[in-house]
Amino acid sequence: MKKRNLFSFLVAIVMIAGLYLFMREPFDRFNPMIKEEHVYVKVQDEPVDDDGRYKYKEQGVTESGETKRVVFSTSTRLDQGTFLKVLAKGTYTADYKFIKEDEMPSN
């Protein structure tokens, strides 16, 4: 009986870890332990086709100066050098808006 409980526990841990690795965006979206924060991004990379949308994976900076990676998609292609203020929760992006370069954090 103890072996069966241990095996069930290990299977559950592996399943949770697998869900986190392969479905990180929805996991972050509904995780109450991750807080939303604004990440300032300068578009530098080329987008990936995401079923007719343009998916961007960019490095950004929070207001506190911490580097974060964000993933977001748009219906139009963005020019390189475009500045955005992204509302992110982990890897999930709730919203973004265009900003000017002088609105970027100084650090």
N, C-alpha and C. Protein backbone atom coordinates (compact mmCIF):
# COMPACT_ATOMS: atom_id res chain seq x y z
N MET A 1 0.82 -1.19 0.00
CA MET A 1 0.00 0.00 0.00
C MET A 1 0.86 1.26 0.00
N LYS A 2 1.98 1.23 0.74
CA LYS A 2 2.86 2.39 0.79
C LYS A 2 3.51 2.64 -0.57
N LYS A 3 3.86 1.58 -1.28
CA LYS A 3 4.45 1.73 -2.60
C LYS A 3 3.45 2.36 -3.57
N ARG A 4 2.20 1.97 -3.45
CA ARG A 4 1.17 2.51 -4.33
C ARG A 4 0.99 4.01 -4.07
N ASN A 5 0.97 4.44 -2.81
CA ASN A 5 0.83 5.85 -2.46
C ASN A 5 2.03 6.66 -2.95
N LEU A 6 3.23 6.11 -2.78
CA LEU A 6 4.44 6.78 -3.24
C LEU A 6 4.43 6.92 -4.76
N PHE A 7 4.04 5.86 -5.45
CA PHE A 7 3.97 5.89 -6.90
C PHE A 7 2.95 6.93 -7.37
N SER A 8 1.79 6.98 -6.75
CA SER A 8 0.76 7.96 -7.10
C SER A 8 1.25 9.38 -6.87
N PHE A 9 1.95 9.61 -5.79
CA PHE A 9 2.50 10.92 -5.49
C PHE A 9 3.53 11.34 -6.54
N LEU A 10 4.42 10.44 -6.93
CA LEU A 10 5.42 10.74 -7.94
C LEU A 10 4.78 11.01 -9.30
N VAL A 11 3.76 10.26 -9.65
CA VAL A 11 3.05 10.49 -10.92
C VAL A 11 2.41 11.87 -10.91
N ALA A 12 1.81 12.26 -9.81
CA ALA A 12 1.18 13.58 -9.70
C ALA A 12 2.22 14.69 -9.84
N ILE A 13 3.37 14.54 -9.22
CA ILE A 13 4.44 15.55 -9.31
C ILE A 13 4.92 15.67 -10.75
N VAL A 14 5.12 14.57 -11.43
CA VAL A 14 5.58 14.59 -12.82
C VAL A 14 4.53 15.25 -13.71
N MET A 15 3.26 14.97 -13.48
CA MET A 15 2.20 15.58 -14.28
C MET A 15 2.13 17.10 -14.07
N ILE A 16 2.25 17.54 -12.84
CA ILE A 16 2.22 18.97 -12.55
C ILE A 16 3.41 19.66 -13.19
N ALA A 17 4.60 19.06 -13.09
CA ALA A 17 5.80 19.63 -13.70
C ALA A 17 5.65 19.68 -15.22
N GLY A 18 5.08 18.66 -15.81
CA GLY A 18 4.86 18.64 -17.26
C GLY A 18 3.89 19.72 -17.70
N LEU A 19 2.81 19.88 -16.97
CA LEU A 19 1.86 20.95 -17.29
C LEU A 19 2.51 22.31 -17.21
N TYR A 20 3.33 22.51 -16.19
CA TYR A 20 4.00 23.80 -16.04
C TYR A 20 4.96 24.07 -17.20
N LEU A 21 5.69 23.06 -17.62
CA LEU A 21 6.66 23.25 -18.71
C LEU A 21 5.99 23.47 -20.06
N PHE A 22 4.91 22.76 -20.34
CA PHE A 22 4.29 22.83 -21.66
C PHE A 22 3.12 23.80 -21.74
N MET A 23 2.58 24.21 -20.62
CA MET A 23 1.44 25.12 -20.61
C MET A 23 1.71 26.26 -19.61
N ARG A 24 2.87 26.85 -19.71
CA ARG A 24 3.28 27.85 -18.74
C ARG A 24 2.41 29.11 -18.77
N GLU A 25 2.04 29.57 -19.96
CA GLU A 25 1.25 30.80 -20.05
C GLU A 25 -0.10 30.68 -19.33
N PRO A 26 -0.91 29.66 -19.60
CA PRO A 26 -2.17 29.55 -18.84
C PRO A 26 -1.93 29.31 -17.35
N PHE A 27 -0.87 28.59 -17.02
CA PHE A 27 -0.54 28.34 -15.62
C PHE A 27 -0.24 29.66 -14.91
N ASP A 28 0.55 30.52 -15.54
CA ASP A 28 0.87 31.83 -14.96
C ASP A 28 -0.36 32.72 -14.88
N ARG A 29 -1.21 32.63 -15.87
CA ARG A 29 -2.40 33.49 -15.92
C ARG A 29 -3.31 33.30 -14.71
N PHE A 30 -3.48 32.07 -14.27
CA PHE A 30 -4.41 31.78 -13.18
C PHE A 30 -3.72 31.52 -11.85
N ASN A 31 -2.40 31.67 -11.78
CA ASN A 31 -1.66 31.46 -10.55
C ASN A 31 -1.79 32.69 -9.66
N PRO A 32 -2.42 32.56 -8.49
CA PRO A 32 -2.60 33.72 -7.61
C PRO A 32 -1.31 34.19 -6.94
N MET A 33 -0.26 33.41 -7.03
CA MET A 33 0.99 33.78 -6.37
C MET A 33 1.88 34.67 -7.25
N ILE A 34 1.54 34.81 -8.52
CA ILE A 34 2.31 35.66 -9.43
C ILE A 34 1.58 36.98 -9.57
N LYS A 35 2.29 38.08 -9.37
CA LYS A 35 1.65 39.40 -9.46
C LYS A 35 1.83 39.98 -10.86
N GLU A 36 0.86 40.81 -11.24
CA GLU A 36 0.96 41.53 -12.51
C GLU A 36 1.93 42.69 -12.34
N GLU A 37 2.69 42.96 -13.39
CA GLU A 37 3.59 44.10 -13.37
C GLU A 37 3.79 44.61 -14.78
N HIS A 38 4.18 45.88 -14.88
CA HIS A 38 4.46 46.47 -16.18
C HIS A 38 5.90 46.18 -16.57
N VAL A 39 6.07 45.76 -17.80
CA VAL A 39 7.39 45.48 -18.36
C VAL A 39 7.54 46.37 -19.60
N TYR A 40 8.65 47.10 -19.65
CA TYR A 40 8.91 48.02 -20.77
C TYR A 40 9.79 47.29 -21.78
N VAL A 41 9.32 47.29 -23.03
CA VAL A 41 9.95 46.49 -24.07
C VAL A 41 10.27 47.36 -25.28
N LYS A 42 11.44 47.10 -25.87
CA LYS A 42 11.78 47.66 -27.18
C LYS A 42 11.80 46.47 -28.14
N VAL A 43 10.94 46.50 -29.15
CA VAL A 43 10.83 45.38 -30.09
C VAL A 43 12.14 45.27 -30.87
N GLN A 44 12.77 44.09 -30.79
CA GLN A 44 14.04 43.87 -31.47
C GLN A 44 14.03 42.62 -32.33
N ASP A 45 13.27 41.61 -31.92
CA ASP A 45 13.28 40.33 -32.62
C ASP A 45 12.18 40.28 -33.68
N GLU A 46 12.37 39.40 -34.64
CA GLU A 46 11.35 39.16 -35.66
C GLU A 46 10.24 38.31 -35.05
N PRO A 47 8.99 38.57 -35.44
CA PRO A 47 7.88 37.78 -34.90
C PRO A 47 7.80 36.40 -35.53
N VAL A 48 7.10 35.52 -34.84
CA VAL A 48 6.82 34.17 -35.32
C VAL A 48 5.36 34.13 -35.73
N ASP A 49 5.05 33.43 -36.82
CA ASP A 49 3.66 33.30 -37.26
C ASP A 49 2.89 32.44 -36.26
N ASP A 50 1.76 32.96 -35.78
CA ASP A 50 0.94 32.28 -34.80
C ASP A 50 -0.51 32.26 -35.28
N ASP A 51 -0.77 31.43 -36.29
CA ASP A 51 -2.12 31.31 -36.89
C ASP A 51 -2.67 32.66 -37.34
N GLY A 52 -1.90 33.37 -38.13
CA GLY A 52 -2.35 34.64 -38.68
C GLY A 52 -2.03 35.84 -37.80
N ARG A 53 -1.47 35.63 -36.63
CA ARG A 53 -1.06 36.72 -35.75
C ARG A 53 0.46 36.72 -35.68
N TYR A 54 1.02 37.80 -35.16
CA TYR A 54 2.46 37.92 -35.01
C TYR A 54 2.81 37.76 -33.54
N LYS A 55 3.57 36.73 -33.23
CA LYS A 55 3.93 36.42 -31.84
C LYS A 55 5.36 36.88 -31.57
N TYR A 56 5.52 37.70 -30.55
CA TYR A 56 6.81 38.25 -30.17
C TYR A 56 7.26 37.68 -28.84
N LYS A 57 8.54 37.36 -28.74
CA LYS A 57 9.17 36.94 -27.49
C LYS A 57 10.32 37.91 -27.26
N GLU A 58 10.14 38.82 -26.31
CA GLU A 58 11.10 39.91 -26.11
C GLU A 58 11.57 39.99 -24.66
N GLN A 59 12.77 40.53 -24.49
CA GLN A 59 13.29 40.86 -23.16
C GLN A 59 12.84 42.27 -22.84
N GLY A 60 12.43 42.48 -21.61
CA GLY A 60 12.01 43.80 -21.18
C GLY A 60 12.55 44.11 -19.80
N VAL A 61 12.24 45.30 -19.32
CA VAL A 61 12.71 45.76 -18.01
C VAL A 61 11.51 46.23 -17.20
N THR A 62 11.46 45.81 -15.93
CA THR A 62 10.39 46.28 -15.05
C THR A 62 10.76 47.65 -14.51
N GLU A 63 9.83 48.28 -13.79
CA GLU A 63 10.09 49.59 -13.21
C GLU A 63 11.21 49.54 -12.17
N SER A 64 11.41 48.37 -11.56
CA SER A 64 12.47 48.22 -10.57
C SER A 64 13.82 47.87 -11.20
N GLY A 65 13.87 47.71 -12.52
CA GLY A 65 15.12 47.43 -13.22
C GLY A 65 15.39 45.95 -13.44
N GLU A 66 14.46 45.09 -13.08
CA GLU A 66 14.62 43.65 -13.25
C GLU A 66 14.33 43.26 -14.70
N THR A 67 15.12 42.37 -15.27
CA THR A 67 14.92 41.91 -16.64
C THR A 67 13.89 40.79 -16.66
N LYS A 68 12.91 40.91 -17.56
CA LYS A 68 11.86 39.90 -17.70
C LYS A 68 11.67 39.57 -19.17
N ARG A 69 11.31 38.33 -19.45
CA ARG A 69 10.97 37.90 -20.80
C ARG A 69 9.46 37.89 -20.90
N VAL A 70 8.93 38.51 -21.94
CA VAL A 70 7.48 38.55 -22.15
C VAL A 70 7.15 37.99 -23.53
N VAL A 71 5.97 37.42 -23.63
CA VAL A 71 5.47 36.87 -24.89
C VAL A 71 4.12 37.53 -25.15
N PHE A 72 3.95 38.09 -26.34
CA PHE A 72 2.68 38.71 -26.69
C PHE A 72 2.47 38.57 -28.19
N SER A 73 1.21 38.70 -28.61
CA SER A 73 0.91 38.61 -30.03
C SER A 73 0.09 39.81 -30.45
N THR A 74 0.23 40.15 -31.72
CA THR A 74 -0.50 41.29 -32.30
C THR A 74 -1.10 40.86 -33.63
N SER A 75 -2.05 41.64 -34.07
CA SER A 75 -2.66 41.36 -35.38
C SER A 75 -1.90 42.06 -36.50
N THR A 76 -1.03 43.02 -36.14
CA THR A 76 -0.22 43.72 -37.13
C THR A 76 1.25 43.55 -36.78
N ARG A 77 2.08 43.61 -37.78
CA ARG A 77 3.52 43.48 -37.57
C ARG A 77 4.06 44.80 -37.01
N LEU A 78 4.86 44.72 -35.96
CA LEU A 78 5.45 45.90 -35.34
C LEU A 78 6.82 46.18 -35.92
N ASP A 79 7.14 47.46 -36.09
CA ASP A 79 8.46 47.84 -36.57
C ASP A 79 9.49 47.60 -35.47
N GLN A 80 10.70 47.23 -35.89
CA GLN A 80 11.78 47.09 -34.91
C GLN A 80 12.06 48.46 -34.32
N GLY A 81 12.29 48.49 -33.00
CA GLY A 81 12.52 49.74 -32.31
C GLY A 81 11.27 50.34 -31.70
N THR A 82 10.12 49.69 -31.87
CA THR A 82 8.88 50.16 -31.26
C THR A 82 8.94 49.93 -29.76
N PHE A 83 8.50 50.92 -28.99
CA PHE A 83 8.51 50.82 -27.53
C PHE A 83 7.11 50.49 -27.04
N LEU A 84 7.04 49.54 -26.09
CA LEU A 84 5.76 49.09 -25.55
C LEU A 84 5.82 49.04 -24.03
N LYS A 85 4.68 49.25 -23.41
CA LYS A 85 4.50 49.03 -21.98
C LYS A 85 3.54 47.85 -21.87
N VAL A 86 4.07 46.71 -21.41
CA VAL A 86 3.32 45.46 -21.40
C VAL A 86 2.90 45.13 -19.97
N LEU A 87 1.62 44.83 -19.78
CA LEU A 87 1.12 44.37 -18.49
C LEU A 87 1.22 42.85 -18.50
N ALA A 88 2.16 42.32 -17.73
CA ALA A 88 2.45 40.89 -17.77
C ALA A 88 2.26 40.25 -16.40
N LYS A 89 1.87 38.99 -16.43
CA LYS A 89 1.77 38.18 -15.22
C LYS A 89 2.51 36.89 -15.52
N GLY A 90 3.78 36.83 -15.11
CA GLY A 90 4.63 35.72 -15.52
C GLY A 90 4.88 35.81 -17.00
N THR A 91 4.58 34.75 -17.73
CA THR A 91 4.73 34.79 -19.18
C THR A 91 3.44 35.18 -19.89
N TYR A 92 2.36 35.34 -19.15
CA TYR A 92 1.07 35.74 -19.73
C TYR A 92 1.02 37.25 -19.88
N THR A 93 0.61 37.73 -21.03
CA THR A 93 0.48 39.17 -21.28
C THR A 93 -1.00 39.54 -21.30
N ALA A 94 -1.39 40.41 -20.38
CA ALA A 94 -2.78 40.83 -20.28
C ALA A 94 -3.08 41.97 -21.25
N ASP A 95 -2.13 42.91 -21.42
CA ASP A 95 -2.38 44.09 -22.22
C ASP A 95 -1.05 44.74 -22.58
N TYR A 96 -1.04 45.55 -23.61
CA TYR A 96 0.14 46.34 -23.95
C TYR A 96 -0.31 47.65 -24.58
N LYS A 97 0.55 48.66 -24.49
CA LYS A 97 0.26 49.92 -25.18
C LYS A 97 1.56 50.51 -25.69
N PHE A 98 1.44 51.28 -26.76
CA PHE A 98 2.59 51.92 -27.37
C PHE A 98 3.00 53.12 -26.51
N ILE A 99 4.31 53.29 -26.34
CA ILE A 99 4.82 54.42 -25.59
C ILE A 99 5.97 55.06 -26.37
N LYS A 100 6.40 56.22 -25.90
CA LYS A 100 7.55 56.89 -26.49
C LYS A 100 8.81 56.51 -25.73
N GLU A 101 9.95 56.72 -26.36
CA GLU A 101 11.22 56.32 -25.76
C GLU A 101 11.46 57.00 -24.41
N ASP A 102 11.02 58.26 -24.26
CA ASP A 102 11.25 58.96 -22.99
C ASP A 102 10.39 58.44 -21.83
N GLU A 103 9.42 57.57 -22.13
CA GLU A 103 8.60 56.94 -21.08
C GLU A 103 9.22 55.66 -20.55
N MET A 104 10.31 55.21 -21.16
CA MET A 104 11.01 54.01 -20.70
C MET A 104 11.71 54.33 -19.38
N PRO A 105 11.81 53.35 -18.47
CA PRO A 105 12.54 53.59 -17.22
C PRO A 105 14.00 53.87 -17.50
N SER A 106 14.60 54.69 -16.65
CA SER A 106 15.99 55.12 -16.90
C SER A 106 16.99 54.01 -16.67
N ASN A 107 16.65 53.03 -15.84
CA ASN A 107 17.61 51.95 -15.58
C ASN A 107 17.38 50.88 -16.59
